[in-house]
Amino acid sequence: MAHPDWIVLPLLWMTRTCIETCVIMVGASERHRRIGDAITDFVGWKQERRIRERVSGVSSDPHTTSRLRAFTVLVVMASPEKKRKLGIAHTLARPNILALEPYRCARDDYSEGILLDANENALGPTMPKKAGDENHNPLTLERYPSPYQIPLKEAYAAYRGHGLRPENIFVGVGSDEAIDLLMRIFCTPTTDAIMTTPPTYGMYKVCAAINDVQVMTVPLTPSFDLRIPEMLAAVTPNTKLMFVCTPGNPTAKAIPLKDIEALASSPEYKGLVVVDEAYVDFSPLGSAAGLIEKYPNVVVLQTLSKAFGLAGIRLGFALGSDDVIQLMNNVKAPYNVNSLTSNVALNALNSIPVLDANVKELMEQREFVREKLNELDFVIKVFPSHSNFLLFQMTDKAKLSYTLMPSVSISMANRGVVTRFRGNEMHCNECIRVTIGSKEENAKFLEELPKAYKDS
């Protein structure tokens, strides 16, 4: 133990049924370097098979090994010849976040057996207990859900591809939780800043205000393209997050992946490029998730609220490098995603043909609505769309038309059409944003719009 060439690596091995502390002693040699690299790579939750492919010479009881779930590196005392390489999260995150000891909840350790550890109601949920009852739910709702949603992450990684692993995925309450967490983790209040490109999603500004973080803006061009030279010229050492919404809201326009790569690869910017892809399933340009392995400073936000048609369950994802995702898991609430939401999401990921059919139908309806809008003499322009909505510009009276359309719903039942006035956004003068609905809803919208314009 006292030999100067030996390295001591205390590891906490966490299993479903026990916790045991193991000590591995390895020489300062090629084996040391290989194991040191593996330890660096595998911070966080990892599967036993993948650990054993990378780390040899680790022994434990076979009964324990068979149920090995993951490990967390507690201490790595490296020799001078090998310094541990830290990820981008450790260079950007707030010091108090890096030092945070995450809350350890009951389901971190055990999820099976006689569970008397979390003060749950073992008699079951207050719901009908007969399987034939329409309100019966077979889920064990009396138990807290998994804090890390591993099956859901595995299913989502398999669906999205790009070499994603569960360790690259954060699961949260819509994309909004991820937006807020990123600011809390990487932005020091009153000191740091985020960058947005208006017109864009309004929650970036709201979350920044809540977290007392400055907002730097570099507007899109009138054609809704990024102004990359201006964005890079505007960054400072305190610019920690750069939000790019693609396809944009309200613009509906997707940003080319080469533009995202230009931001991520620039030596002028040291922060994270956060790519908000809520509408990516409607876009022909693909996802920036394929850039994560090459650029650890890229974080991609996605959701099941749009193409998947699951806005009611409020489930979103952040995709990024392991160390960024690990910090998000450290800071989040212990049980942020409930069992019902997780179950519905898994069912959706097993129903991809339904998703594909719905997206195809919405895209056909989008082009139909576009054609009809272009026929109206008071519509100046219908902007290109890579999403499930259209932004169109009227000659005038857009706001009056917008306010009159929902008022019809109040005075004449079942005739109202609700859209969004976007004329107060940059480059969106006299613009209305309309979501593509069902065939019948789109027909009603096209019927009511000329009436509302005429009456305004």
Foldseek 3Di string as FASTA:
>chain_A
DPPPQKWWFWKWFAFQPDIDIDIDIDGNDPLVVQLLVLLLQFADWDALVVSCVRHPDDDDDVVRSVGTTGIHGDDTDDDPVDDRDDDLLVVFWDPCLVVDDFDDDPLVHHDDDPDPDHPFDPVADPWDPDPPDPGDDPDRQSDFDALLLQVLLCLVCVVQPLPDHSLQKDKFQALLLVLLLQCNTGAQAPQAAEEEAPPADPSNVVSCVVRNHHYHYDYADLLRADPQVVVLVPDDPRHAEYEDEAVGVPQQHGYALVSVVCVLPDPSDSHAYEYEPQFQVLAPRHDNLNCQVVRQRYKYKYACVFLVVPVVQRMIMIGGRSVVSVSSSRPDDRRRHGPVSSVVSVVSSVVVVVSVVSSVQLVVLVVVLLVLLVVDPQWDDWRDHSGQKIKTAGVDCLVQLQVVQQVCCVVPPPLHDHWAQPCVIPSRNRIIMDGRDDPVNSVSVSVSSVVSVVVD
